[in-house]
Amino acid sequence: MQESFTNIGKDARAATVEVDLQLADGDAHLRVSDDGAGFDVSQVQLKKHGLVGMRYRVEAEQGRFAVDSAPGRGTTVQAWMPLAH
């Protein structure tokens, strides 16, 4: 979540940010969404946006990580983390 907020502050030009945390089926599901500039996920330099580090930290704990974004459409970053492993 921290890296998502850093990216939003530096790049997104968002007016609204939503954070949702849910516990279900043994996982914590975190979703951070903004209504900012967005970006083409297939064209982004992953290191620039910290996405590689986010994915690595989540997957190192046996979690799953996803990013959905498009120019002009904002960005949603999601992580599913097992509560116990």
N, C-alpha and C. Protein backbone atom coordinates (compact mmCIF):
# COMPACT_ATOMS: atom_id res chain seq x y z
N MET A 1 0.84 -1.18 0.00
CA MET A 1 0.00 0.00 0.00
C MET A 1 0.88 1.25 0.00
N GLN A 2 1.94 1.24 0.77
CA GLN A 2 2.81 2.40 0.86
C GLN A 2 3.37 2.78 -0.51
N GLU A 3 3.87 1.80 -1.26
CA GLU A 3 4.43 2.08 -2.59
C GLU A 3 3.34 2.58 -3.53
N SER A 4 2.13 2.06 -3.41
CA SER A 4 1.02 2.56 -4.24
C SER A 4 0.78 4.04 -3.97
N PHE A 5 0.77 4.43 -2.70
CA PHE A 5 0.57 5.85 -2.37
C PHE A 5 1.72 6.71 -2.89
N THR A 6 2.93 6.18 -2.83
CA THR A 6 4.08 6.91 -3.36
C THR A 6 3.90 7.14 -4.86
N ASN A 7 3.52 6.10 -5.59
CA ASN A 7 3.31 6.23 -7.03
C ASN A 7 2.18 7.20 -7.34
N ILE A 8 1.10 7.13 -6.59
CA ILE A 8 -0.03 8.04 -6.81
C ILE A 8 0.42 9.49 -6.61
N GLY A 9 1.17 9.73 -5.54
CA GLY A 9 1.63 11.09 -5.26
C GLY A 9 2.58 11.63 -6.31
N LYS A 10 3.44 10.76 -6.87
CA LYS A 10 4.44 11.20 -7.83
C LYS A 10 3.90 11.30 -9.25
N ASP A 11 3.01 10.39 -9.64
CA ASP A 11 2.70 10.24 -11.06
C ASP A 11 1.22 10.36 -11.45
N ALA A 12 0.30 10.05 -10.56
CA ALA A 12 -1.08 9.81 -10.98
C ALA A 12 -1.91 11.07 -11.23
N ARG A 13 -1.63 12.15 -10.50
CA ARG A 13 -2.49 13.35 -10.58
C ARG A 13 -3.95 12.96 -10.30
N ALA A 14 -4.15 12.14 -9.29
CA ALA A 14 -5.48 11.63 -8.94
C ALA A 14 -6.21 12.61 -8.04
N ALA A 15 -7.53 12.68 -8.22
CA ALA A 15 -8.40 13.44 -7.32
C ALA A 15 -8.93 12.56 -6.21
N THR A 16 -9.06 11.27 -6.48
CA THR A 16 -9.65 10.33 -5.53
C THR A 16 -8.81 9.05 -5.46
N VAL A 17 -8.63 8.56 -4.24
CA VAL A 17 -7.97 7.28 -4.00
C VAL A 17 -8.88 6.47 -3.10
N GLU A 18 -9.09 5.21 -3.46
CA GLU A 18 -9.89 4.31 -2.63
C GLU A 18 -9.01 3.16 -2.16
N VAL A 19 -9.15 2.80 -0.89
CA VAL A 19 -8.43 1.67 -0.32
C VAL A 19 -9.47 0.73 0.27
N ASP A 20 -9.33 -0.55 -0.05
CA ASP A 20 -10.25 -1.55 0.45
C ASP A 20 -9.44 -2.74 0.95
N LEU A 21 -9.76 -3.19 2.16
CA LEU A 21 -9.11 -4.36 2.73
C LEU A 21 -10.19 -5.32 3.18
N GLN A 22 -10.12 -6.55 2.69
CA GLN A 22 -11.10 -7.57 3.05
C GLN A 22 -10.37 -8.84 3.46
N LEU A 23 -10.97 -9.56 4.40
CA LEU A 23 -10.46 -10.85 4.82
C LEU A 23 -11.46 -11.90 4.38
N ALA A 24 -10.97 -12.89 3.60
CA ALA A 24 -11.87 -13.95 3.13
C ALA A 24 -11.05 -15.16 2.70
N ASP A 25 -11.56 -16.33 2.98
CA ASP A 25 -10.96 -17.59 2.53
C ASP A 25 -9.48 -17.70 2.89
N GLY A 26 -9.11 -17.22 4.07
CA GLY A 26 -7.74 -17.34 4.53
C GLY A 26 -6.78 -16.32 3.94
N ASP A 27 -7.29 -15.36 3.19
CA ASP A 27 -6.46 -14.33 2.58
C ASP A 27 -6.88 -12.94 3.04
N ALA A 28 -5.92 -12.04 3.03
CA ALA A 28 -6.20 -10.61 3.13
C ALA A 28 -6.11 -10.08 1.71
N HIS A 29 -7.14 -9.37 1.27
CA HIS A 29 -7.17 -8.81 -0.08
C HIS A 29 -7.14 -7.29 0.04
N LEU A 30 -6.07 -6.68 -0.46
CA LEU A 30 -5.91 -5.24 -0.44
C LEU A 30 -6.06 -4.70 -1.85
N ARG A 31 -6.87 -3.66 -2.00
CA ARG A 31 -7.06 -3.02 -3.30
C ARG A 31 -6.88 -1.52 -3.12
N VAL A 32 -6.00 -0.92 -3.92
CA VAL A 32 -5.79 0.52 -3.94
C VAL A 32 -6.09 1.00 -5.35
N SER A 33 -7.08 1.89 -5.48
CA SER A 33 -7.49 2.40 -6.79
C SER A 33 -7.44 3.92 -6.80
N ASP A 34 -7.07 4.47 -7.94
CA ASP A 34 -7.10 5.92 -8.09
C ASP A 34 -7.76 6.28 -9.43
N ASP A 35 -8.17 7.54 -9.52
CA ASP A 35 -8.80 8.04 -10.75
C ASP A 35 -7.84 8.93 -11.52
N GLY A 36 -6.56 8.64 -11.41
CA GLY A 36 -5.53 9.48 -12.02
C GLY A 36 -5.26 9.18 -13.48
N ALA A 37 -4.07 9.57 -13.92
CA ALA A 37 -3.68 9.52 -15.32
C ALA A 37 -3.61 8.11 -15.88
N GLY A 38 -3.29 7.14 -15.05
CA GLY A 38 -3.14 5.78 -15.53
C GLY A 38 -1.94 5.65 -16.44
N PHE A 39 -1.71 4.44 -16.93
CA PHE A 39 -0.59 4.17 -17.83
C PHE A 39 -0.85 2.87 -18.55
N ASP A 40 -0.11 2.65 -19.63
CA ASP A 40 -0.20 1.41 -20.39
C ASP A 40 0.69 0.39 -19.69
N VAL A 41 0.08 -0.58 -19.06
CA VAL A 41 0.81 -1.58 -18.27
C VAL A 41 1.84 -2.31 -19.13
N SER A 42 1.54 -2.54 -20.40
CA SER A 42 2.47 -3.27 -21.26
C SER A 42 3.68 -2.44 -21.66
N GLN A 43 3.61 -1.13 -21.49
CA GLN A 43 4.70 -0.25 -21.90
C GLN A 43 5.50 0.34 -20.75
N VAL A 44 5.07 0.12 -19.53
CA VAL A 44 5.70 0.78 -18.38
C VAL A 44 7.05 0.15 -18.06
N GLN A 45 7.97 1.00 -17.62
CA GLN A 45 9.23 0.51 -17.08
C GLN A 45 8.95 0.14 -15.63
N LEU A 46 8.88 -1.14 -15.37
CA LEU A 46 8.42 -1.61 -14.07
C LEU A 46 9.23 -1.06 -12.91
N LYS A 47 10.53 -0.94 -13.06
CA LYS A 47 11.35 -0.43 -11.96
C LYS A 47 11.00 1.01 -11.64
N LYS A 48 10.66 1.79 -12.65
CA LYS A 48 10.31 3.19 -12.43
C LYS A 48 9.10 3.32 -11.50
N HIS A 49 8.15 2.46 -11.64
CA HIS A 49 6.92 2.55 -10.87
C HIS A 49 6.95 1.72 -9.59
N GLY A 50 8.05 1.06 -9.30
CA GLY A 50 8.14 0.26 -8.09
C GLY A 50 7.31 -1.00 -8.14
N LEU A 51 6.77 -1.32 -9.31
CA LEU A 51 5.89 -2.48 -9.42
C LEU A 51 6.65 -3.79 -9.24
N VAL A 52 7.88 -3.84 -9.70
CA VAL A 52 8.67 -5.06 -9.53
C VAL A 52 8.86 -5.35 -8.05
N GLY A 53 9.20 -4.32 -7.27
CA GLY A 53 9.39 -4.50 -5.84
C GLY A 53 8.11 -4.91 -5.14
N MET A 54 6.99 -4.30 -5.53
CA MET A 54 5.71 -4.68 -4.93
C MET A 54 5.41 -6.14 -5.22
N ARG A 55 5.53 -6.53 -6.50
CA ARG A 55 5.24 -7.92 -6.88
C ARG A 55 6.16 -8.87 -6.12
N TYR A 56 7.44 -8.56 -6.05
CA TYR A 56 8.40 -9.42 -5.37
C TYR A 56 8.03 -9.60 -3.90
N ARG A 57 7.71 -8.50 -3.21
CA ARG A 57 7.40 -8.61 -1.77
C ARG A 57 6.14 -9.43 -1.54
N VAL A 58 5.14 -9.27 -2.38
CA VAL A 58 3.90 -10.04 -2.23
C VAL A 58 4.15 -11.52 -2.53
N GLU A 59 4.81 -11.80 -3.66
CA GLU A 59 5.03 -13.19 -4.04
C GLU A 59 6.00 -13.91 -3.10
N ALA A 60 6.90 -13.17 -2.45
CA ALA A 60 7.82 -13.77 -1.48
C ALA A 60 7.07 -14.32 -0.28
N GLU A 61 5.87 -13.82 -0.04
CA GLU A 61 5.03 -14.30 1.06
C GLU A 61 3.90 -15.19 0.55
N GLN A 62 4.10 -15.78 -0.63
CA GLN A 62 3.13 -16.67 -1.27
C GLN A 62 1.80 -15.98 -1.61
N GLY A 63 1.86 -14.69 -1.87
CA GLY A 63 0.67 -13.94 -2.27
C GLY A 63 0.57 -13.79 -3.77
N ARG A 64 -0.48 -13.13 -4.19
CA ARG A 64 -0.70 -12.82 -5.61
C ARG A 64 -0.79 -11.31 -5.75
N PHE A 65 -0.39 -10.79 -6.92
CA PHE A 65 -0.31 -9.36 -7.15
C PHE A 65 -0.85 -9.06 -8.54
N ALA A 66 -1.61 -7.98 -8.68
CA ALA A 66 -2.15 -7.61 -9.99
C ALA A 66 -2.21 -6.09 -10.11
N VAL A 67 -1.98 -5.61 -11.32
CA VAL A 67 -2.10 -4.19 -11.65
C VAL A 67 -3.00 -4.06 -12.85
N ASP A 68 -3.97 -3.15 -12.77
CA ASP A 68 -4.85 -2.85 -13.89
C ASP A 68 -4.81 -1.35 -14.11
N SER A 69 -4.47 -0.93 -15.31
CA SER A 69 -4.39 0.49 -15.61
C SER A 69 -4.47 0.70 -17.11
N ALA A 70 -4.83 1.90 -17.50
CA ALA A 70 -4.80 2.33 -18.89
C ALA A 70 -4.74 3.86 -18.89
N PRO A 71 -4.12 4.45 -19.91
CA PRO A 71 -4.04 5.90 -19.96
C PRO A 71 -5.43 6.55 -19.83
N GLY A 72 -5.52 7.50 -18.92
CA GLY A 72 -6.78 8.23 -18.71
C GLY A 72 -7.81 7.49 -17.89
N ARG A 73 -7.48 6.30 -17.40
CA ARG A 73 -8.47 5.47 -16.71
C ARG A 73 -8.12 5.17 -15.26
N GLY A 74 -7.01 5.70 -14.76
CA GLY A 74 -6.63 5.41 -13.39
C GLY A 74 -5.93 4.08 -13.26
N THR A 75 -5.66 3.70 -12.03
CA THR A 75 -4.90 2.49 -11.75
C THR A 75 -5.49 1.78 -10.54
N THR A 76 -5.51 0.46 -10.61
CA THR A 76 -5.87 -0.38 -9.47
C THR A 76 -4.75 -1.37 -9.23
N VAL A 77 -4.25 -1.39 -8.01
CA VAL A 77 -3.24 -2.35 -7.58
C VAL A 77 -3.90 -3.24 -6.54
N GLN A 78 -3.73 -4.57 -6.72
CA GLN A 78 -4.34 -5.51 -5.79
C GLN A 78 -3.30 -6.52 -5.31
N ALA A 79 -3.44 -6.90 -4.05
CA ALA A 79 -2.59 -7.95 -3.49
C ALA A 79 -3.47 -8.86 -2.64
N TRP A 80 -3.25 -10.15 -2.80
CA TRP A 80 -3.90 -11.16 -1.97
C TRP A 80 -2.80 -11.84 -1.19
N MET A 81 -2.89 -11.76 0.13
CA MET A 81 -1.85 -12.32 1.00
C MET A 81 -2.47 -13.38 1.90
N PRO A 82 -1.83 -14.55 1.98
CA PRO A 82 -2.35 -15.56 2.91
C PRO A 82 -2.18 -15.09 4.35
N LEU A 83 -3.18 -15.33 5.16
CA LEU A 83 -3.10 -14.95 6.56
C LEU A 83 -2.16 -15.85 7.33
N ALA A 84 -1.98 -17.08 6.86
CA ALA A 84 -1.03 -18.00 7.47
C ALA A 84 -0.45 -18.86 6.35
N HIS A 85 0.85 -19.13 6.44
CA HIS A 85 1.47 -20.03 5.45
C HIS A 85 2.60 -20.80 6.06
